[in-house]
Amino acid sequence: MQKRFLKYFWLYTKDHKIRFVFLILATLTAVIISYYLSPLILAKLFDHIQNETLNRDNSIKLLIYYSLLRSFGLIVVWRVSSWLNWTLTLNLAKQIFDDLFQKMTKKSANFYSNNFSGSITSNFNRFIYSVAGLI
């Protein structure tokens, strides 16, 4: 089941390769900046405090670097990542809806008389939101 699900995920995602790659890169960049680089600057500041080598010039410089890096990571990069995620999810859902609609219009009247339409709809929605929710 998981193999088939991933097959469908890649089937729809391959049309949006560039956006998907940029989403992965933006998310990785945001995580690296927010959780690894910013604390390193604070660690350097605490190192200066502990070794009593802190002066006004390097403390202000480190605090400015920390603020700029933290702001860039949390505000700019995470927002770009969120925008890419949102637009990719919407595009994937639209593409899946269109494909399912095309397939369902090709079905015979016998198919609809033998299947409950509510279960068909709930299966479609579950499939669409599980593929789109994977992102």
N, C-alpha and C. Protein backbone atom coordinates (compact mmCIF):
# COMPACT_ATOMS: atom_id res chain seq x y z
N MET A 1 0.82 -1.19 0.00
CA MET A 1 0.00 0.00 0.00
C MET A 1 0.86 1.26 0.00
N GLN A 2 1.93 1.27 0.83
CA GLN A 2 2.79 2.44 0.90
C GLN A 2 3.54 2.66 -0.40
N LYS A 3 3.92 1.57 -1.05
CA LYS A 3 4.63 1.67 -2.31
C LYS A 3 3.75 2.32 -3.37
N ARG A 4 2.49 1.90 -3.39
CA ARG A 4 1.54 2.46 -4.35
C ARG A 4 1.25 3.93 -4.04
N PHE A 5 1.16 4.25 -2.77
CA PHE A 5 0.92 5.63 -2.37
C PHE A 5 2.09 6.52 -2.81
N LEU A 6 3.32 6.07 -2.57
CA LEU A 6 4.49 6.86 -2.98
C LEU A 6 4.58 6.98 -4.50
N LYS A 7 4.13 5.94 -5.20
CA LYS A 7 4.11 6.01 -6.66
C LYS A 7 3.20 7.15 -7.12
N TYR A 8 2.03 7.26 -6.52
CA TYR A 8 1.12 8.35 -6.87
C TYR A 8 1.67 9.70 -6.44
N PHE A 9 2.30 9.74 -5.30
CA PHE A 9 2.89 10.99 -4.84
C PHE A 9 3.93 11.50 -5.84
N TRP A 10 4.83 10.62 -6.27
CA TRP A 10 5.86 11.04 -7.22
C TRP A 10 5.27 11.31 -8.60
N LEU A 11 4.21 10.61 -8.95
CA LEU A 11 3.55 10.84 -10.23
C LEU A 11 3.07 12.27 -10.33
N TYR A 12 2.48 12.78 -9.26
CA TYR A 12 1.97 14.15 -9.28
C TYR A 12 3.04 15.18 -8.95
N THR A 13 4.02 14.82 -8.17
CA THR A 13 5.05 15.77 -7.78
C THR A 13 6.05 16.02 -8.91
N LYS A 14 6.22 15.06 -9.81
CA LYS A 14 7.23 15.23 -10.85
C LYS A 14 6.91 16.38 -11.80
N ASP A 15 5.65 16.78 -11.87
CA ASP A 15 5.30 17.94 -12.69
C ASP A 15 5.70 19.25 -12.02
N HIS A 16 6.01 19.20 -10.75
CA HIS A 16 6.38 20.39 -9.98
C HIS A 16 7.75 20.19 -9.35
N LYS A 17 8.70 19.66 -10.11
CA LYS A 17 10.02 19.32 -9.56
C LYS A 17 10.74 20.53 -8.98
N ILE A 18 10.74 21.63 -9.71
CA ILE A 18 11.50 22.81 -9.28
C ILE A 18 10.95 23.34 -7.97
N ARG A 19 9.64 23.44 -7.88
CA ARG A 19 9.03 23.95 -6.65
C ARG A 19 9.29 23.00 -5.48
N PHE A 20 9.23 21.69 -5.74
CA PHE A 20 9.48 20.70 -4.69
C PHE A 20 10.92 20.77 -4.20
N VAL A 21 11.87 20.90 -5.13
CA VAL A 21 13.28 20.99 -4.75
C VAL A 21 13.53 22.27 -3.95
N PHE A 22 12.96 23.40 -4.40
CA PHE A 22 13.13 24.64 -3.66
C PHE A 22 12.47 24.57 -2.28
N LEU A 23 11.38 23.85 -2.17
CA LEU A 23 10.74 23.67 -0.86
C LEU A 23 11.66 22.92 0.08
N ILE A 24 12.27 21.85 -0.40
CA ILE A 24 13.20 21.08 0.44
C ILE A 24 14.41 21.94 0.82
N LEU A 25 14.96 22.66 -0.16
CA LEU A 25 16.13 23.50 0.13
C LEU A 25 15.80 24.64 1.09
N ALA A 26 14.65 25.28 0.91
CA ALA A 26 14.27 26.38 1.80
C ALA A 26 14.06 25.87 3.22
N THR A 27 13.44 24.72 3.36
CA THR A 27 13.21 24.17 4.69
C THR A 27 14.53 23.80 5.36
N LEU A 28 15.41 23.16 4.61
CA LEU A 28 16.72 22.81 5.18
C LEU A 28 17.51 24.06 5.57
N THR A 29 17.47 25.08 4.72
CA THR A 29 18.17 26.32 5.02
C THR A 29 17.61 26.97 6.28
N ALA A 30 16.30 26.99 6.41
CA ALA A 30 15.68 27.59 7.59
C ALA A 30 16.06 26.84 8.85
N VAL A 31 16.08 25.52 8.78
CA VAL A 31 16.44 24.72 9.96
C VAL A 31 17.90 24.95 10.32
N ILE A 32 18.77 24.97 9.34
CA ILE A 32 20.20 25.17 9.61
C ILE A 32 20.45 26.54 10.21
N ILE A 33 19.83 27.57 9.65
CA ILE A 33 20.03 28.92 10.18
C ILE A 33 19.44 29.06 11.58
N SER A 34 18.20 28.60 11.74
CA SER A 34 17.51 28.83 13.01
C SER A 34 18.03 27.99 14.16
N TYR A 35 18.41 26.76 13.88
CA TYR A 35 18.74 25.85 14.98
C TYR A 35 20.23 25.52 15.11
N TYR A 36 21.04 25.91 14.13
CA TYR A 36 22.46 25.58 14.22
C TYR A 36 23.36 26.81 14.17
N LEU A 37 23.15 27.70 13.20
CA LEU A 37 24.04 28.85 13.07
C LEU A 37 23.78 29.92 14.13
N SER A 38 22.51 30.20 14.39
CA SER A 38 22.19 31.22 15.40
C SER A 38 22.72 30.85 16.78
N PRO A 39 22.51 29.62 17.24
CA PRO A 39 23.08 29.26 18.56
C PRO A 39 24.61 29.30 18.59
N LEU A 40 25.25 29.08 17.47
CA LEU A 40 26.72 29.17 17.45
C LEU A 40 27.19 30.59 17.75
N ILE A 41 26.47 31.57 17.25
CA ILE A 41 26.84 32.96 17.52
C ILE A 41 26.62 33.28 19.00
N LEU A 42 25.51 32.78 19.55
CA LEU A 42 25.29 32.99 20.98
C LEU A 42 26.34 32.27 21.82
N ALA A 43 26.75 31.11 21.38
CA ALA A 43 27.80 30.37 22.10
C ALA A 43 29.11 31.15 22.09
N LYS A 44 29.39 31.80 20.96
CA LYS A 44 30.60 32.61 20.89
C LYS A 44 30.51 33.80 21.85
N LEU A 45 29.32 34.39 21.93
CA LEU A 45 29.11 35.50 22.86
C LEU A 45 29.30 35.03 24.30
N PHE A 46 28.72 33.88 24.64
CA PHE A 46 28.89 33.34 25.99
C PHE A 46 30.34 32.95 26.27
N ASP A 47 31.04 32.51 25.25
CA ASP A 47 32.47 32.21 25.39
C ASP A 47 33.24 33.47 25.79
N HIS A 48 32.94 34.57 25.12
CA HIS A 48 33.61 35.83 25.45
C HIS A 48 33.27 36.27 26.87
N ILE A 49 32.02 36.06 27.29
CA ILE A 49 31.62 36.43 28.65
C ILE A 49 32.37 35.57 29.67
N GLN A 50 32.44 34.28 29.39
CA GLN A 50 33.09 33.36 30.34
C GLN A 50 34.59 33.62 30.44
N ASN A 51 35.23 33.92 29.32
CA ASN A 51 36.68 34.16 29.31
C ASN A 51 37.03 35.60 29.65
N GLU A 52 36.01 36.40 29.91
CA GLU A 52 36.19 37.81 30.26
C GLU A 52 36.94 38.58 29.18
N THR A 53 36.70 38.24 27.93
CA THR A 53 37.29 38.95 26.79
C THR A 53 36.25 39.76 26.05
N LEU A 54 35.12 39.99 26.68
CA LEU A 54 34.02 40.69 26.03
C LEU A 54 34.23 42.19 26.14
N ASN A 55 34.14 42.86 25.02
CA ASN A 55 34.14 44.31 25.02
C ASN A 55 32.92 44.80 24.24
N ARG A 56 32.73 46.09 24.26
CA ARG A 56 31.52 46.65 23.66
C ARG A 56 31.46 46.38 22.15
N ASP A 57 32.57 46.49 21.45
CA ASP A 57 32.56 46.33 19.99
C ASP A 57 32.17 44.92 19.55
N ASN A 58 32.84 43.92 20.12
CA ASN A 58 32.52 42.57 19.66
C ASN A 58 31.18 42.07 20.19
N SER A 59 30.74 42.58 21.35
CA SER A 59 29.43 42.14 21.85
C SER A 59 28.31 42.70 20.98
N ILE A 60 28.42 43.96 20.60
CA ILE A 60 27.39 44.55 19.73
C ILE A 60 27.40 43.88 18.37
N LYS A 61 28.59 43.61 17.86
CA LYS A 61 28.70 42.95 16.56
C LYS A 61 28.08 41.55 16.60
N LEU A 62 28.36 40.79 17.63
CA LEU A 62 27.78 39.45 17.76
C LEU A 62 26.27 39.49 17.93
N LEU A 63 25.78 40.45 18.71
CA LEU A 63 24.33 40.58 18.90
C LEU A 63 23.63 40.99 17.60
N ILE A 64 24.26 41.85 16.82
CA ILE A 64 23.68 42.25 15.53
C ILE A 64 23.69 41.06 14.57
N TYR A 65 24.78 40.32 14.52
CA TYR A 65 24.82 39.12 13.67
C TYR A 65 23.75 38.12 14.07
N TYR A 66 23.62 37.92 15.38
CA TYR A 66 22.61 36.98 15.86
C TYR A 66 21.20 37.44 15.47
N SER A 67 20.92 38.72 15.67
CA SER A 67 19.58 39.25 15.36
C SER A 67 19.27 39.16 13.87
N LEU A 68 20.25 39.54 13.05
CA LEU A 68 20.03 39.47 11.60
C LEU A 68 19.85 38.04 11.11
N LEU A 69 20.71 37.16 11.58
CA LEU A 69 20.62 35.77 11.15
C LEU A 69 19.33 35.12 11.64
N ARG A 70 18.97 35.38 12.86
CA ARG A 70 17.73 34.82 13.42
C ARG A 70 16.51 35.38 12.69
N SER A 71 16.51 36.68 12.42
CA SER A 71 15.39 37.29 11.70
C SER A 71 15.29 36.75 10.28
N PHE A 72 16.42 36.66 9.62
CA PHE A 72 16.41 36.13 8.25
C PHE A 72 15.92 34.69 8.24
N GLY A 73 16.39 33.89 9.18
CA GLY A 73 15.99 32.48 9.22
C GLY A 73 14.53 32.29 9.56
N LEU A 74 14.07 33.02 10.57
CA LEU A 74 12.70 32.81 11.04
C LEU A 74 11.66 33.54 10.21
N ILE A 75 11.98 34.70 9.73
CA ILE A 75 10.98 35.48 9.01
C ILE A 75 11.03 35.19 7.51
N VAL A 76 12.16 35.39 6.89
CA VAL A 76 12.23 35.31 5.44
C VAL A 76 12.20 33.86 4.94
N VAL A 77 13.11 33.05 5.42
CA VAL A 77 13.26 31.70 4.86
C VAL A 77 12.06 30.82 5.22
N TRP A 78 11.56 30.91 6.46
CA TRP A 78 10.40 30.10 6.81
C TRP A 78 9.17 30.54 6.04
N ARG A 79 9.03 31.83 5.77
CA ARG A 79 7.88 32.30 4.98
C ARG A 79 7.97 31.84 3.55
N VAL A 80 9.15 31.85 2.99
CA VAL A 80 9.32 31.32 1.63
C VAL A 80 8.99 29.83 1.61
N SER A 81 9.46 29.12 2.62
CA SER A 81 9.17 27.69 2.71
C SER A 81 7.67 27.44 2.85
N SER A 82 7.00 28.23 3.67
CA SER A 82 5.56 28.07 3.85
C SER A 82 4.80 28.38 2.57
N TRP A 83 5.22 29.43 1.86
CA TRP A 83 4.57 29.78 0.60
C TRP A 83 4.75 28.67 -0.43
N LEU A 84 5.96 28.13 -0.54
CA LEU A 84 6.20 27.03 -1.47
C LEU A 84 5.37 25.80 -1.10
N ASN A 85 5.28 25.50 0.17
CA ASN A 85 4.48 24.36 0.63
C ASN A 85 3.01 24.57 0.29
N TRP A 86 2.50 25.76 0.55
CA TRP A 86 1.10 26.06 0.31
C TRP A 86 0.75 25.97 -1.17
N THR A 87 1.57 26.60 -2.01
CA THR A 87 1.26 26.58 -3.45
C THR A 87 1.44 25.19 -4.04
N LEU A 88 2.44 24.45 -3.59
CA LEU A 88 2.63 23.09 -4.09
C LEU A 88 1.48 22.19 -3.69
N THR A 89 1.02 22.32 -2.46
CA THR A 89 -0.11 21.51 -2.00
C THR A 89 -1.37 21.83 -2.80
N LEU A 90 -1.62 23.11 -3.04
CA LEU A 90 -2.80 23.48 -3.82
C LEU A 90 -2.70 22.98 -5.26
N ASN A 91 -1.54 23.10 -5.86
CA ASN A 91 -1.37 22.62 -7.23
C ASN A 91 -1.53 21.11 -7.33
N LEU A 92 -0.98 20.39 -6.36
CA LEU A 92 -1.13 18.93 -6.36
C LEU A 92 -2.59 18.53 -6.18
N ALA A 93 -3.28 19.18 -5.26
CA ALA A 93 -4.69 18.85 -5.03
C ALA A 93 -5.52 19.14 -6.27
N LYS A 94 -5.26 20.25 -6.94
CA LYS A 94 -6.00 20.59 -8.16
C LYS A 94 -5.74 19.56 -9.26
N GLN A 95 -4.49 19.18 -9.41
CA GLN A 95 -4.15 18.20 -10.43
C GLN A 95 -4.79 16.84 -10.14
N ILE A 96 -4.81 16.44 -8.88
CA ILE A 96 -5.42 15.17 -8.52
C ILE A 96 -6.93 15.23 -8.72
N PHE A 97 -7.56 16.34 -8.30
CA PHE A 97 -8.99 16.50 -8.53
C PHE A 97 -9.33 16.41 -10.01
N ASP A 98 -8.54 17.09 -10.84
CA ASP A 98 -8.79 17.06 -12.29
C ASP A 98 -8.65 15.66 -12.86
N ASP A 99 -7.61 14.95 -12.45
CA ASP A 99 -7.41 13.58 -12.94
C ASP A 99 -8.52 12.65 -12.49
N LEU A 100 -8.92 12.77 -11.24
CA LEU A 100 -10.01 11.91 -10.75
C LEU A 100 -11.33 12.24 -11.44
N PHE A 101 -11.57 13.51 -11.70
CA PHE A 101 -12.79 13.89 -12.40
C PHE A 101 -12.81 13.30 -13.81
N GLN A 102 -11.67 13.36 -14.50
CA GLN A 102 -11.59 12.78 -15.84
C GLN A 102 -11.84 11.28 -15.81
N LYS A 103 -11.28 10.60 -14.83
CA LYS A 103 -11.48 9.15 -14.72
C LYS A 103 -12.92 8.81 -14.37
N MET A 104 -13.53 9.60 -13.51
CA MET A 104 -14.89 9.30 -13.09
C MET A 104 -15.91 9.59 -14.18
N THR A 105 -15.64 10.55 -15.05
CA THR A 105 -16.57 10.82 -16.14
C THR A 105 -16.54 9.73 -17.20
N LYS A 106 -15.50 8.92 -17.21
CA LYS A 106 -15.40 7.82 -18.17
C LYS A 106 -16.09 6.55 -17.67
N LYS A 107 -16.49 6.52 -16.41
CA LYS A 107 -17.16 5.34 -15.85
C LYS A 107 -18.58 5.24 -16.39
N SER A 108 -19.08 4.02 -16.42
CA SER A 108 -20.43 3.78 -16.93
C SER A 108 -21.47 4.06 -15.85
N ALA A 109 -22.72 4.12 -16.27
CA ALA A 109 -23.82 4.32 -15.32
C ALA A 109 -23.96 3.11 -14.41
N ASN A 110 -23.57 1.95 -14.89
CA ASN A 110 -23.62 0.74 -14.09
C ASN A 110 -22.69 0.84 -12.88
N PHE A 111 -21.54 1.46 -13.06
CA PHE A 111 -20.61 1.65 -11.96
C PHE A 111 -21.26 2.47 -10.85
N TYR A 112 -21.94 3.55 -11.22
CA TYR A 112 -22.55 4.42 -10.22
C TYR A 112 -23.77 3.79 -9.56
N SER A 113 -24.46 2.94 -10.29
CA SER A 113 -25.61 2.29 -9.68
C SER A 113 -25.19 1.19 -8.71
N ASN A 114 -24.00 0.64 -8.87
CA ASN A 114 -23.51 -0.43 -8.00
C ASN A 114 -22.62 0.09 -6.86
N ASN A 115 -22.25 1.36 -6.88
CA ASN A 115 -21.40 1.93 -5.83
C ASN A 115 -22.10 3.13 -5.20
N PHE A 116 -21.97 3.22 -3.90
CA PHE A 116 -22.56 4.34 -3.17
C PHE A 116 -21.72 5.59 -3.44
N SER A 117 -22.36 6.66 -3.86
CA SER A 117 -21.61 7.87 -4.25
C SER A 117 -20.91 8.52 -3.05
N GLY A 118 -21.47 8.39 -1.86
CA GLY A 118 -20.82 8.97 -0.68
C GLY A 118 -19.50 8.30 -0.37
N SER A 119 -19.43 6.98 -0.56
CA SER A 119 -18.17 6.29 -0.29
C SER A 119 -17.13 6.62 -1.36
N ILE A 120 -17.57 6.81 -2.59
CA ILE A 120 -16.64 7.20 -3.66
C ILE A 120 -16.04 8.57 -3.33
N THR A 121 -16.90 9.50 -2.93
CA THR A 121 -16.43 10.85 -2.60
C THR A 121 -15.49 10.84 -1.41
N SER A 122 -15.83 10.09 -0.37
CA SER A 122 -14.95 10.07 0.80
C SER A 122 -13.62 9.41 0.48
N ASN A 123 -13.61 8.39 -0.37
CA ASN A 123 -12.34 7.77 -0.78
C ASN A 123 -11.49 8.75 -1.59
N PHE A 124 -12.14 9.51 -2.46
CA PHE A 124 -11.39 10.50 -3.24
C PHE A 124 -10.77 11.55 -2.34
N ASN A 125 -11.57 12.09 -1.44
CA ASN A 125 -11.07 13.13 -0.55
C ASN A 125 -9.95 12.60 0.34
N ARG A 126 -10.10 11.40 0.84
CA ARG A 126 -9.05 10.81 1.68
C ARG A 126 -7.75 10.65 0.89
N PHE A 127 -7.86 10.20 -0.37
CA PHE A 127 -6.68 10.03 -1.21
C PHE A 127 -6.01 11.37 -1.51
N ILE A 128 -6.82 12.35 -1.89
CA ILE A 128 -6.27 13.66 -2.28
C ILE A 128 -5.56 14.31 -1.10
N TYR A 129 -6.19 14.33 0.06
CA TYR A 129 -5.59 15.01 1.19
C TYR A 129 -4.43 14.22 1.81
N SER A 130 -4.39 12.93 1.59
CA SER A 130 -3.23 12.18 2.08
C SER A 130 -2.02 12.43 1.19
N VAL A 131 -2.23 12.51 -0.13
CA VAL A 131 -1.11 12.81 -1.03
C VAL A 131 -0.64 14.24 -0.81
N ALA A 132 -1.58 15.17 -0.75
CA ALA A 132 -1.21 16.58 -0.56
C ALA A 132 -0.66 16.82 0.85
N GLY A 133 -1.13 16.07 1.81
CA GLY A 133 -0.66 16.23 3.18
C GLY A 133 0.71 15.66 3.42
N LEU A 134 1.21 14.85 2.51
CA LEU A 134 2.54 14.29 2.65
C LEU A 134 3.61 15.37 2.57
N ILE A 135 3.29 16.43 1.88
CA ILE A 135 4.24 17.53 1.75
C ILE A 135 4.19 18.30 3.03
